[in-house]
Amino acid sequence: MIAILAFGLLGIVQVNNPEFNVVGVPSGAVVQQITPASDIIFGASIPSYSENGILLFVLFFLLGIDAYLCSKFIKDPKMALIVFFMIALLVVSVLMGILWASIHSIVYGNSEAKTFATFIFGTIGSIITILSGTFIGWLVWHFFNNFFIKLTEFVTLKEDIILISLVIWAIVFLIYVSIEFLAYRHRKKKRSGSSDE
């Protein structure tokens, strides 16, 4: 939910400020012949799931090598953990950015700006995954980046996209806050009930 709220809001900002787009969805990469809605959904989801799936495998493999080397050569567990995260954040995430940019250079050709944008995206996405311990945030970011780019190809008025997206975002935000509040009250009630016994 946090990733949906954060990167959904970033996607809404991208509609009016295209400079925040990571790069874009290559035209003709996914051709759908059913409806514009299916073209938007499939054009956003298929590249994000397939690219993230392949590159997350590489990320996890590199993190596994990092963890193995740290556990083998550093005997103090606290120091091993610190070194693991230093290598993961400073080396592995940069390698992932380079890999991400090199894979996309096939699609985007000689555009240095697009190559650099995909490098930044791969690096930051790797850092988000390493720090959060889950790939969901990066996947959601990738999906919403592609989704709002594809959406602007079909809807001509950016104001319509922004208004409807903000209303949906606000509803999701209120649902999320309500669920968190109810869960907090339930945990608090459960703790106070168990301490009374």
N, C-alpha and C. Protein backbone atom coordinates (compact mmCIF):
# COMPACT_ATOMS: atom_id res chain seq x y z
N MET A 1 0.82 -1.20 0.00
CA MET A 1 0.00 0.00 0.00
C MET A 1 0.87 1.26 0.00
N ILE A 2 1.95 1.23 0.78
CA ILE A 2 2.82 2.41 0.83
C ILE A 2 3.45 2.65 -0.54
N ALA A 3 3.89 1.57 -1.20
CA ALA A 3 4.47 1.72 -2.54
C ALA A 3 3.44 2.24 -3.52
N ILE A 4 2.20 1.74 -3.44
CA ILE A 4 1.15 2.21 -4.34
C ILE A 4 0.89 3.69 -4.11
N LEU A 5 0.82 4.10 -2.85
CA LEU A 5 0.58 5.51 -2.56
C LEU A 5 1.74 6.39 -3.00
N ALA A 6 2.96 5.97 -2.69
CA ALA A 6 4.14 6.80 -3.02
C ALA A 6 4.35 6.89 -4.52
N PHE A 7 4.37 5.76 -5.20
CA PHE A 7 4.69 5.79 -6.62
C PHE A 7 3.48 6.12 -7.48
N GLY A 8 2.27 5.90 -6.94
CA GLY A 8 1.08 6.40 -7.63
C GLY A 8 1.08 7.91 -7.66
N LEU A 9 1.43 8.54 -6.54
CA LEU A 9 1.53 10.00 -6.48
C LEU A 9 2.63 10.51 -7.40
N LEU A 10 3.77 9.80 -7.44
CA LEU A 10 4.84 10.19 -8.36
C LEU A 10 4.36 10.09 -9.81
N GLY A 11 3.58 9.05 -10.11
CA GLY A 11 3.02 8.91 -11.47
C GLY A 11 2.11 10.06 -11.83
N ILE A 12 1.30 10.50 -10.86
CA ILE A 12 0.42 11.65 -11.10
C ILE A 12 1.26 12.89 -11.38
N VAL A 13 2.34 13.09 -10.64
CA VAL A 13 3.23 14.22 -10.88
C VAL A 13 3.85 14.13 -12.27
N GLN A 14 4.16 12.91 -12.72
CA GLN A 14 4.77 12.70 -14.03
C GLN A 14 3.86 13.16 -15.16
N VAL A 15 2.55 13.08 -14.97
CA VAL A 15 1.63 13.47 -16.03
C VAL A 15 1.86 14.92 -16.43
N ASN A 16 2.01 15.79 -15.45
CA ASN A 16 2.19 17.21 -15.74
C ASN A 16 3.67 17.58 -15.89
N ASN A 17 4.56 16.75 -15.38
CA ASN A 17 5.99 17.01 -15.45
C ASN A 17 6.70 15.80 -16.04
N PRO A 18 6.69 15.66 -17.37
CA PRO A 18 7.28 14.48 -17.99
C PRO A 18 8.76 14.28 -17.70
N GLU A 19 9.44 15.31 -17.21
CA GLU A 19 10.86 15.15 -16.89
C GLU A 19 11.07 14.18 -15.74
N PHE A 20 10.00 13.87 -14.98
CA PHE A 20 10.10 12.90 -13.90
C PHE A 20 9.91 11.47 -14.39
N ASN A 21 9.54 11.27 -15.66
CA ASN A 21 9.42 9.92 -16.21
C ASN A 21 10.79 9.28 -16.23
N VAL A 22 10.83 7.99 -15.91
CA VAL A 22 12.11 7.30 -15.94
C VAL A 22 12.63 7.29 -17.37
N VAL A 23 11.88 6.85 -18.31
CA VAL A 23 12.21 6.97 -19.72
C VAL A 23 10.93 6.91 -20.52
N GLY A 24 10.25 5.82 -20.44
CA GLY A 24 9.02 5.66 -21.19
C GLY A 24 8.85 4.22 -21.60
N VAL A 25 7.75 3.96 -22.23
CA VAL A 25 7.49 2.62 -22.73
C VAL A 25 7.75 2.66 -24.22
N PRO A 26 8.64 1.82 -24.73
CA PRO A 26 8.95 1.85 -26.16
C PRO A 26 7.70 1.62 -26.99
N SER A 27 7.51 2.44 -28.01
CA SER A 27 6.33 2.25 -28.85
C SER A 27 6.48 0.97 -29.65
N GLY A 28 5.38 0.25 -29.76
CA GLY A 28 5.40 -1.00 -30.51
C GLY A 28 5.93 -2.17 -29.73
N ALA A 29 6.33 -1.97 -28.49
CA ALA A 29 6.86 -3.09 -27.70
C ALA A 29 5.77 -4.08 -27.35
N VAL A 30 4.61 -3.57 -26.99
CA VAL A 30 3.48 -4.42 -26.66
C VAL A 30 2.29 -3.89 -27.44
N VAL A 31 1.85 -4.61 -28.43
CA VAL A 31 0.75 -4.14 -29.25
C VAL A 31 -0.51 -4.89 -28.84
N GLN A 32 -1.49 -4.16 -28.36
CA GLN A 32 -2.77 -4.74 -27.98
C GLN A 32 -3.81 -4.26 -28.96
N GLN A 33 -4.71 -5.15 -29.36
CA GLN A 33 -5.70 -4.79 -30.36
C GLN A 33 -7.11 -4.78 -29.77
N ILE A 34 -7.27 -4.86 -28.47
CA ILE A 34 -8.60 -4.99 -27.91
C ILE A 34 -9.18 -3.61 -27.61
N THR A 35 -8.68 -2.95 -26.60
CA THR A 35 -9.19 -1.64 -26.21
C THR A 35 -8.02 -0.77 -25.77
N PRO A 36 -8.24 0.54 -25.71
CA PRO A 36 -7.17 1.40 -25.16
C PRO A 36 -6.83 1.03 -23.71
N ALA A 37 -7.84 0.62 -22.92
CA ALA A 37 -7.57 0.25 -21.53
C ALA A 37 -6.63 -0.95 -21.45
N SER A 38 -6.87 -1.94 -22.31
CA SER A 38 -5.98 -3.10 -22.28
C SER A 38 -4.58 -2.73 -22.76
N ASP A 39 -4.49 -1.81 -23.71
CA ASP A 39 -3.19 -1.36 -24.18
C ASP A 39 -2.43 -0.66 -23.06
N ILE A 40 -3.15 0.15 -22.27
CA ILE A 40 -2.51 0.85 -21.15
C ILE A 40 -2.05 -0.15 -20.09
N ILE A 41 -2.94 -1.05 -19.68
CA ILE A 41 -2.63 -2.01 -18.61
C ILE A 41 -1.51 -2.95 -19.04
N PHE A 42 -1.66 -3.56 -20.23
CA PHE A 42 -0.63 -4.51 -20.68
C PHE A 42 0.66 -3.81 -21.04
N GLY A 43 0.56 -2.59 -21.57
CA GLY A 43 1.76 -1.83 -21.90
C GLY A 43 2.54 -1.41 -20.66
N ALA A 44 1.83 -1.31 -19.53
CA ALA A 44 2.50 -0.95 -18.28
C ALA A 44 2.96 -2.18 -17.51
N SER A 45 2.13 -3.22 -17.50
CA SER A 45 2.44 -4.37 -16.62
C SER A 45 3.43 -5.35 -17.22
N ILE A 46 3.30 -5.69 -18.47
CA ILE A 46 4.17 -6.72 -19.05
C ILE A 46 5.64 -6.30 -19.02
N PRO A 47 6.00 -5.08 -19.48
CA PRO A 47 7.43 -4.72 -19.37
C PRO A 47 7.91 -4.65 -17.93
N SER A 48 7.08 -4.10 -17.02
CA SER A 48 7.55 -3.95 -15.64
C SER A 48 7.73 -5.31 -14.97
N TYR A 49 6.81 -6.24 -15.16
CA TYR A 49 6.94 -7.55 -14.52
C TYR A 49 8.09 -8.35 -15.12
N SER A 50 8.21 -8.35 -16.44
CA SER A 50 9.25 -9.16 -17.06
C SER A 50 10.64 -8.59 -16.79
N GLU A 51 10.80 -7.28 -16.93
CA GLU A 51 12.12 -6.68 -16.68
C GLU A 51 12.52 -6.81 -15.22
N ASN A 52 11.59 -6.48 -14.32
CA ASN A 52 11.91 -6.60 -12.91
C ASN A 52 12.19 -8.05 -12.52
N GLY A 53 11.44 -8.99 -13.08
CA GLY A 53 11.66 -10.39 -12.76
C GLY A 53 13.06 -10.86 -13.11
N ILE A 54 13.50 -10.54 -14.30
CA ILE A 54 14.83 -10.95 -14.74
C ILE A 54 15.92 -10.25 -13.93
N LEU A 55 15.79 -8.94 -13.78
CA LEU A 55 16.84 -8.19 -13.10
C LEU A 55 16.83 -8.41 -11.59
N LEU A 56 15.69 -8.73 -11.01
CA LEU A 56 15.67 -9.06 -9.59
C LEU A 56 16.38 -10.39 -9.33
N PHE A 57 16.27 -11.31 -10.27
CA PHE A 57 17.02 -12.57 -10.14
C PHE A 57 18.51 -12.26 -10.06
N VAL A 58 19.00 -11.38 -10.93
CA VAL A 58 20.41 -11.00 -10.90
C VAL A 58 20.76 -10.30 -9.59
N LEU A 59 19.88 -9.38 -9.15
CA LEU A 59 20.12 -8.68 -7.89
C LEU A 59 20.23 -9.66 -6.72
N PHE A 60 19.30 -10.58 -6.63
CA PHE A 60 19.33 -11.55 -5.52
C PHE A 60 20.54 -12.47 -5.61
N PHE A 61 20.94 -12.81 -6.82
CA PHE A 61 22.14 -13.63 -7.00
C PHE A 61 23.38 -12.88 -6.49
N LEU A 62 23.50 -11.61 -6.87
CA LEU A 62 24.64 -10.80 -6.41
C LEU A 62 24.61 -10.60 -4.90
N LEU A 63 23.43 -10.39 -4.35
CA LEU A 63 23.32 -10.26 -2.90
C LEU A 63 23.67 -11.57 -2.20
N GLY A 64 23.35 -12.68 -2.81
CA GLY A 64 23.73 -13.98 -2.25
C GLY A 64 25.24 -14.15 -2.23
N ILE A 65 25.92 -13.75 -3.31
CA ILE A 65 27.39 -13.81 -3.34
C ILE A 65 27.96 -12.89 -2.26
N ASP A 66 27.39 -11.69 -2.15
CA ASP A 66 27.81 -10.73 -1.13
C ASP A 66 27.66 -11.34 0.27
N ALA A 67 26.52 -11.93 0.54
CA ALA A 67 26.27 -12.53 1.87
C ALA A 67 27.22 -13.69 2.13
N TYR A 68 27.47 -14.51 1.12
CA TYR A 68 28.38 -15.64 1.29
C TYR A 68 29.80 -15.16 1.63
N LEU A 69 30.29 -14.20 0.87
CA LEU A 69 31.64 -13.70 1.10
C LEU A 69 31.77 -13.03 2.47
N CYS A 70 30.76 -12.27 2.85
CA CYS A 70 30.81 -11.61 4.16
C CYS A 70 30.77 -12.62 5.30
N SER A 71 29.95 -13.65 5.17
CA SER A 71 29.88 -14.65 6.24
C SER A 71 31.12 -15.53 6.29
N LYS A 72 31.76 -15.72 5.16
CA LYS A 72 32.95 -16.58 5.11
C LYS A 72 34.19 -15.88 5.65
N PHE A 73 34.35 -14.61 5.31
CA PHE A 73 35.60 -13.92 5.63
C PHE A 73 35.53 -12.97 6.83
N ILE A 74 34.33 -12.66 7.30
CA ILE A 74 34.21 -11.76 8.45
C ILE A 74 33.52 -12.54 9.57
N LYS A 75 34.23 -12.74 10.65
CA LYS A 75 33.73 -13.59 11.72
C LYS A 75 32.77 -12.89 12.67
N ASP A 76 32.93 -11.58 12.86
CA ASP A 76 32.03 -10.83 13.73
C ASP A 76 30.70 -10.60 12.99
N PRO A 77 29.58 -11.12 13.51
CA PRO A 77 28.30 -11.00 12.79
C PRO A 77 27.85 -9.56 12.56
N LYS A 78 28.08 -8.68 13.53
CA LYS A 78 27.66 -7.29 13.35
C LYS A 78 28.47 -6.61 12.25
N MET A 79 29.77 -6.86 12.25
CA MET A 79 30.63 -6.29 11.22
C MET A 79 30.29 -6.87 9.85
N ALA A 80 29.98 -8.17 9.81
CA ALA A 80 29.61 -8.82 8.55
C ALA A 80 28.35 -8.19 7.98
N LEU A 81 27.40 -7.89 8.85
CA LEU A 81 26.15 -7.26 8.40
C LEU A 81 26.40 -5.86 7.86
N ILE A 82 27.25 -5.10 8.55
CA ILE A 82 27.58 -3.74 8.09
C ILE A 82 28.28 -3.78 6.73
N VAL A 83 29.26 -4.67 6.61
CA VAL A 83 29.98 -4.79 5.33
C VAL A 83 29.05 -5.27 4.23
N PHE A 84 28.16 -6.22 4.56
CA PHE A 84 27.19 -6.71 3.57
C PHE A 84 26.38 -5.55 3.00
N PHE A 85 25.82 -4.71 3.88
CA PHE A 85 25.00 -3.60 3.40
C PHE A 85 25.82 -2.54 2.68
N MET A 86 27.05 -2.32 3.11
CA MET A 86 27.90 -1.36 2.40
C MET A 86 28.16 -1.83 0.97
N ILE A 87 28.53 -3.10 0.83
CA ILE A 87 28.78 -3.65 -0.52
C ILE A 87 27.49 -3.64 -1.33
N ALA A 88 26.38 -4.01 -0.70
CA ALA A 88 25.10 -4.07 -1.40
C ALA A 88 24.69 -2.69 -1.91
N LEU A 89 24.83 -1.68 -1.06
CA LEU A 89 24.38 -0.34 -1.44
C LEU A 89 25.35 0.39 -2.36
N LEU A 90 26.65 0.18 -2.16
CA LEU A 90 27.63 0.94 -2.93
C LEU A 90 28.12 0.24 -4.19
N VAL A 91 28.07 -1.09 -4.19
CA VAL A 91 28.59 -1.83 -5.35
C VAL A 91 27.47 -2.52 -6.12
N VAL A 92 26.69 -3.35 -5.42
CA VAL A 92 25.67 -4.15 -6.10
C VAL A 92 24.61 -3.26 -6.74
N SER A 93 24.15 -2.22 -6.02
CA SER A 93 23.11 -1.35 -6.59
C SER A 93 23.63 -0.61 -7.83
N VAL A 94 24.89 -0.20 -7.81
CA VAL A 94 25.48 0.47 -8.98
C VAL A 94 25.62 -0.51 -10.14
N LEU A 95 26.03 -1.75 -9.85
CA LEU A 95 26.09 -2.77 -10.91
C LEU A 95 24.71 -3.02 -11.51
N MET A 96 23.69 -3.01 -10.67
CA MET A 96 22.33 -3.19 -11.18
C MET A 96 21.92 -2.01 -12.05
N GLY A 97 22.31 -0.81 -11.66
CA GLY A 97 22.03 0.36 -12.49
C GLY A 97 22.69 0.25 -13.85
N ILE A 98 23.93 -0.21 -13.87
CA ILE A 98 24.65 -0.39 -15.14
C ILE A 98 23.97 -1.47 -15.99
N LEU A 99 23.57 -2.57 -15.35
CA LEU A 99 22.89 -3.65 -16.08
C LEU A 99 21.56 -3.16 -16.62
N TRP A 100 20.82 -2.42 -15.80
CA TRP A 100 19.53 -1.89 -16.23
C TRP A 100 19.71 -0.97 -17.44
N ALA A 101 20.71 -0.08 -17.37
CA ALA A 101 20.96 0.84 -18.48
C ALA A 101 21.42 0.10 -19.73
N SER A 102 22.26 -0.92 -19.56
CA SER A 102 22.76 -1.63 -20.74
C SER A 102 21.66 -2.42 -21.43
N ILE A 103 20.75 -3.00 -20.67
CA ILE A 103 19.63 -3.72 -21.29
C ILE A 103 18.73 -2.74 -22.04
N HIS A 104 18.47 -1.57 -21.46
CA HIS A 104 17.60 -0.61 -22.11
C HIS A 104 18.29 0.14 -23.24
N SER A 105 19.61 0.12 -23.29
CA SER A 105 20.29 0.80 -24.40
C SER A 105 19.98 0.12 -25.73
N ILE A 106 19.61 -1.16 -25.68
CA ILE A 106 19.20 -1.85 -26.90
C ILE A 106 17.92 -1.22 -27.45
N VAL A 107 17.00 -0.88 -26.54
CA VAL A 107 15.71 -0.32 -26.95
C VAL A 107 15.83 1.15 -27.31
N TYR A 108 16.57 1.90 -26.49
CA TYR A 108 16.57 3.36 -26.63
C TYR A 108 17.72 3.88 -27.49
N GLY A 109 18.58 3.01 -27.96
CA GLY A 109 19.63 3.44 -28.88
C GLY A 109 20.68 4.31 -28.22
N ASN A 110 21.03 5.38 -28.89
CA ASN A 110 22.15 6.22 -28.46
C ASN A 110 21.74 7.41 -27.59
N SER A 111 20.58 7.37 -26.99
CA SER A 111 20.15 8.49 -26.16
C SER A 111 20.82 8.40 -24.79
N GLU A 112 21.76 9.31 -24.56
CA GLU A 112 22.47 9.32 -23.28
C GLU A 112 21.55 9.67 -22.12
N ALA A 113 20.60 10.56 -22.36
CA ALA A 113 19.67 10.95 -21.30
C ALA A 113 18.82 9.76 -20.86
N LYS A 114 18.30 8.99 -21.81
CA LYS A 114 17.48 7.83 -21.47
C LYS A 114 18.32 6.74 -20.81
N THR A 115 19.54 6.57 -21.29
CA THR A 115 20.42 5.58 -20.67
C THR A 115 20.74 5.96 -19.24
N PHE A 116 21.03 7.24 -18.99
CA PHE A 116 21.31 7.69 -17.64
C PHE A 116 20.08 7.56 -16.75
N ALA A 117 18.89 7.87 -17.30
CA ALA A 117 17.66 7.75 -16.52
C ALA A 117 17.42 6.30 -16.10
N THR A 118 17.66 5.36 -17.00
CA THR A 118 17.47 3.95 -16.63
C THR A 118 18.55 3.50 -15.65
N PHE A 119 19.75 4.05 -15.73
CA PHE A 119 20.79 3.75 -14.74
C PHE A 119 20.34 4.21 -13.36
N ILE A 120 19.83 5.44 -13.27
CA ILE A 120 19.35 5.97 -11.99
C ILE A 120 18.19 5.11 -11.48
N PHE A 121 17.27 4.76 -12.37
CA PHE A 121 16.12 3.94 -11.99
C PHE A 121 16.57 2.59 -11.45
N GLY A 122 17.50 1.94 -12.14
CA GLY A 122 18.00 0.64 -11.68
C GLY A 122 18.74 0.73 -10.36
N THR A 123 19.51 1.78 -10.18
CA THR A 123 20.26 1.96 -8.93
C THR A 123 19.32 2.24 -7.76
N ILE A 124 18.42 3.20 -7.94
CA ILE A 124 17.50 3.54 -6.85
C ILE A 124 16.55 2.38 -6.55
N GLY A 125 16.07 1.71 -7.59
CA GLY A 125 15.21 0.55 -7.37
C GLY A 125 15.91 -0.55 -6.60
N SER A 126 17.18 -0.77 -6.90
CA SER A 126 17.96 -1.76 -6.15
C SER A 126 18.13 -1.34 -4.70
N ILE A 127 18.39 -0.06 -4.47
CA ILE A 127 18.54 0.44 -3.11
C ILE A 127 17.23 0.29 -2.33
N ILE A 128 16.10 0.60 -2.97
CA ILE A 128 14.80 0.42 -2.32
C ILE A 128 14.60 -1.04 -1.94
N THR A 129 14.94 -1.95 -2.84
CA THR A 129 14.78 -3.38 -2.58
C THR A 129 15.69 -3.84 -1.46
N ILE A 130 16.94 -3.40 -1.47
CA ILE A 130 17.90 -3.81 -0.44
C ILE A 130 17.48 -3.29 0.93
N LEU A 131 17.09 -2.03 1.01
CA LEU A 131 16.75 -1.44 2.30
C LEU A 131 15.41 -1.93 2.85
N SER A 132 14.45 -2.16 1.96
CA SER A 132 13.13 -2.59 2.43
C SER A 132 13.04 -4.10 2.61
N GLY A 133 13.90 -4.85 1.93
CA GLY A 133 13.86 -6.30 2.02
C GLY A 133 12.78 -6.93 1.16
N THR A 134 12.14 -6.14 0.30
CA THR A 134 11.12 -6.66 -0.61
C THR A 134 11.24 -5.97 -1.97
N PHE A 135 10.88 -6.70 -3.00
CA PHE A 135 10.95 -6.16 -4.36
C PHE A 135 9.67 -5.43 -4.77
N ILE A 136 8.65 -5.44 -3.92
CA ILE A 136 7.35 -4.91 -4.30
C ILE A 136 7.40 -3.42 -4.60
N GLY A 137 8.12 -2.64 -3.79
CA GLY A 137 8.20 -1.20 -4.04
C GLY A 137 8.75 -0.87 -5.40
N TRP A 138 9.83 -1.55 -5.78
CA TRP A 138 10.45 -1.30 -7.09
C TRP A 138 9.51 -1.70 -8.22
N LEU A 139 8.83 -2.83 -8.06
CA LEU A 139 7.90 -3.29 -9.08
C LEU A 139 6.74 -2.32 -9.24
N VAL A 140 6.21 -1.84 -8.13
CA VAL A 140 5.09 -0.88 -8.19
C VAL A 140 5.55 0.42 -8.84
N TRP A 141 6.76 0.89 -8.49
CA TRP A 141 7.29 2.11 -9.11
C TRP A 141 7.39 1.94 -10.63
N HIS A 142 7.93 0.81 -11.06
CA HIS A 142 8.10 0.54 -12.49
C HIS A 142 6.73 0.51 -13.18
N PHE A 143 5.76 -0.17 -12.54
CA PHE A 143 4.43 -0.26 -13.13
C PHE A 143 3.81 1.12 -13.28
N PHE A 144 3.84 1.94 -12.20
CA PHE A 144 3.19 3.25 -12.28
C PHE A 144 3.92 4.18 -13.23
N ASN A 145 5.23 4.07 -13.33
CA ASN A 145 5.96 4.88 -14.31
C ASN A 145 5.43 4.58 -15.71
N ASN A 146 5.37 3.30 -16.07
CA ASN A 146 4.89 2.90 -17.39
C ASN A 146 3.40 3.21 -17.56
N PHE A 147 2.61 3.02 -16.51
CA PHE A 147 1.17 3.21 -16.58
C PHE A 147 0.82 4.66 -16.93
N PHE A 148 1.43 5.60 -16.22
CA PHE A 148 1.08 7.00 -16.47
C PHE A 148 1.64 7.50 -17.80
N ILE A 149 2.75 6.95 -18.24
CA ILE A 149 3.27 7.32 -19.56
C ILE A 149 2.31 6.83 -20.65
N LYS A 150 1.86 5.57 -20.53
CA LYS A 150 0.92 5.03 -21.51
C LYS A 150 -0.42 5.76 -21.44
N LEU A 151 -0.84 6.13 -20.24
CA LEU A 151 -2.12 6.81 -20.07
C LEU A 151 -2.12 8.16 -20.80
N THR A 152 -1.00 8.88 -20.75
CA THR A 152 -0.94 10.19 -21.42
C THR A 152 -0.96 10.06 -22.94
N GLU A 153 -0.68 8.86 -23.47
CA GLU A 153 -0.78 8.65 -24.91
C GLU A 153 -2.24 8.57 -25.36
N PHE A 154 -3.14 8.17 -24.45
CA PHE A 154 -4.54 7.97 -24.82
C PHE A 154 -5.46 9.10 -24.35
N VAL A 155 -5.15 9.72 -23.24
CA VAL A 155 -6.00 10.79 -22.70
C VAL A 155 -5.31 12.12 -23.01
N THR A 156 -5.99 12.95 -23.77
CA THR A 156 -5.35 14.18 -24.23
C THR A 156 -5.29 15.27 -23.17
N LEU A 157 -6.26 15.33 -22.27
CA LEU A 157 -6.27 16.37 -21.24
C LEU A 157 -5.56 15.86 -19.99
N LYS A 158 -4.40 16.43 -19.71
CA LYS A 158 -3.65 16.03 -18.53
C LYS A 158 -4.41 16.33 -17.24
N GLU A 159 -5.21 17.39 -17.27
CA GLU A 159 -5.97 17.76 -16.07
C GLU A 159 -6.95 16.66 -15.67
N ASP A 160 -7.55 15.99 -16.67
CA ASP A 160 -8.46 14.87 -16.37
C ASP A 160 -7.73 13.74 -15.68
N ILE A 161 -6.55 13.41 -16.20
CA ILE A 161 -5.75 12.34 -15.60
C ILE A 161 -5.40 12.70 -14.17
N ILE A 162 -4.94 13.92 -13.97
CA ILE A 162 -4.50 14.34 -12.64
C ILE A 162 -5.68 14.33 -11.66
N LEU A 163 -6.83 14.90 -12.07
CA LEU A 163 -7.98 14.96 -11.17
C LEU A 163 -8.48 13.57 -10.79
N ILE A 164 -8.72 12.73 -11.77
CA ILE A 164 -9.23 11.38 -11.47
C ILE A 164 -8.21 10.57 -10.68
N SER A 165 -6.94 10.69 -11.04
CA SER A 165 -5.89 9.95 -10.32
C SER A 165 -5.77 10.42 -8.87
N LEU A 166 -5.88 11.73 -8.64
CA LEU A 166 -5.81 12.24 -7.26
C LEU A 166 -7.00 11.79 -6.43
N VAL A 167 -8.18 11.74 -7.03
CA VAL A 167 -9.36 11.25 -6.30
C VAL A 167 -9.16 9.78 -5.93
N ILE A 168 -8.71 8.96 -6.88
CA ILE A 168 -8.46 7.54 -6.59
C ILE A 168 -7.35 7.40 -5.55
N TRP A 169 -6.29 8.20 -5.69
CA TRP A 169 -5.18 8.14 -4.73
C TRP A 169 -5.67 8.50 -3.33
N ALA A 170 -6.51 9.54 -3.21
CA ALA A 170 -7.03 9.96 -1.90
C ALA A 170 -7.90 8.85 -1.28
N ILE A 171 -8.69 8.18 -2.11
CA ILE A 171 -9.52 7.09 -1.60
C ILE A 171 -8.64 5.95 -1.09
N VAL A 172 -7.64 5.57 -1.86
CA VAL A 172 -6.71 4.51 -1.43
C VAL A 172 -5.98 4.93 -0.16
N PHE A 173 -5.57 6.19 -0.08
CA PHE A 173 -4.89 6.69 1.12
C PHE A 173 -5.79 6.59 2.34
N LEU A 174 -7.04 7.02 2.21
CA LEU A 174 -7.98 6.95 3.33
C LEU A 174 -8.24 5.50 3.75
N ILE A 175 -8.36 4.61 2.79
CA ILE A 175 -8.56 3.19 3.11
C ILE A 175 -7.34 2.66 3.86
N TYR A 176 -6.15 2.99 3.37
CA TYR A 176 -4.91 2.52 4.01
C TYR A 176 -4.79 3.04 5.44
N VAL A 177 -5.03 4.35 5.63
CA VAL A 177 -4.94 4.94 6.97
C VAL A 177 -5.99 4.31 7.90
N SER A 178 -7.18 4.08 7.38
CA SER A 178 -8.23 3.45 8.19
C SER A 178 -7.84 2.04 8.62
N ILE A 179 -7.28 1.27 7.70
CA ILE A 179 -6.86 -0.10 8.02
C ILE A 179 -5.74 -0.07 9.06
N GLU A 180 -4.77 0.83 8.88
CA GLU A 180 -3.68 0.93 9.86
C GLU A 180 -4.21 1.35 11.23
N PHE A 181 -5.15 2.30 11.26
CA PHE A 181 -5.72 2.75 12.52
C PHE A 181 -6.48 1.63 13.21
N LEU A 182 -7.30 0.90 12.46
CA LEU A 182 -8.05 -0.22 13.05
C LEU A 182 -7.12 -1.32 13.54
N ALA A 183 -6.08 -1.59 12.78
CA ALA A 183 -5.11 -2.61 13.19
C ALA A 183 -4.38 -2.18 14.46
N TYR A 184 -4.04 -0.90 14.54
CA TYR A 184 -3.38 -0.37 15.74
C TYR A 184 -4.30 -0.49 16.96
N ARG A 185 -5.55 -0.11 16.80
CA ARG A 185 -6.51 -0.21 17.91
C ARG A 185 -6.69 -1.66 18.34
N HIS A 186 -6.74 -2.57 17.35
CA HIS A 186 -6.90 -3.99 17.67
C HIS A 186 -5.70 -4.51 18.45
N ARG A 187 -4.49 -4.15 18.01
CA ARG A 187 -3.28 -4.60 18.72
C ARG A 187 -3.23 -4.02 20.12
N LYS A 188 -3.58 -2.75 20.25
CA LYS A 188 -3.58 -2.09 21.56
C LYS A 188 -4.60 -2.74 22.49
N LYS A 189 -5.78 -3.03 21.98
CA LYS A 189 -6.82 -3.68 22.77
C LYS A 189 -6.41 -5.09 23.17
N LYS A 190 -5.78 -5.78 22.25
CA LYS A 190 -5.33 -7.15 22.52
C LYS A 190 -4.24 -7.16 23.60
N ARG A 191 -3.29 -6.19 23.52
CA ARG A 191 -2.23 -6.10 24.52
C ARG A 191 -2.80 -5.75 25.89
N SER A 192 -3.72 -4.79 25.93
CA SER A 192 -4.28 -4.41 27.24
C SER A 192 -5.16 -5.52 27.80
N GLY A 193 -5.82 -6.29 26.95
CA GLY A 193 -6.63 -7.42 27.40
C GLY A 193 -5.79 -8.55 27.96
N SER A 194 -4.61 -8.80 27.32
CA SER A 194 -3.74 -9.88 27.78
C SER A 194 -3.03 -9.49 29.05
N SER A 195 -2.78 -8.18 29.28
CA SER A 195 -2.09 -7.76 30.50
C SER A 195 -3.04 -7.78 31.69
N ASP A 196 -4.37 -7.64 31.44
CA ASP A 196 -5.33 -7.69 32.53
C ASP A 196 -5.46 -9.09 33.09
N GLU A 197 -5.27 -10.09 32.23
CA GLU A 197 -5.40 -11.46 32.68
C GLU A 197 -4.19 -11.81 33.49
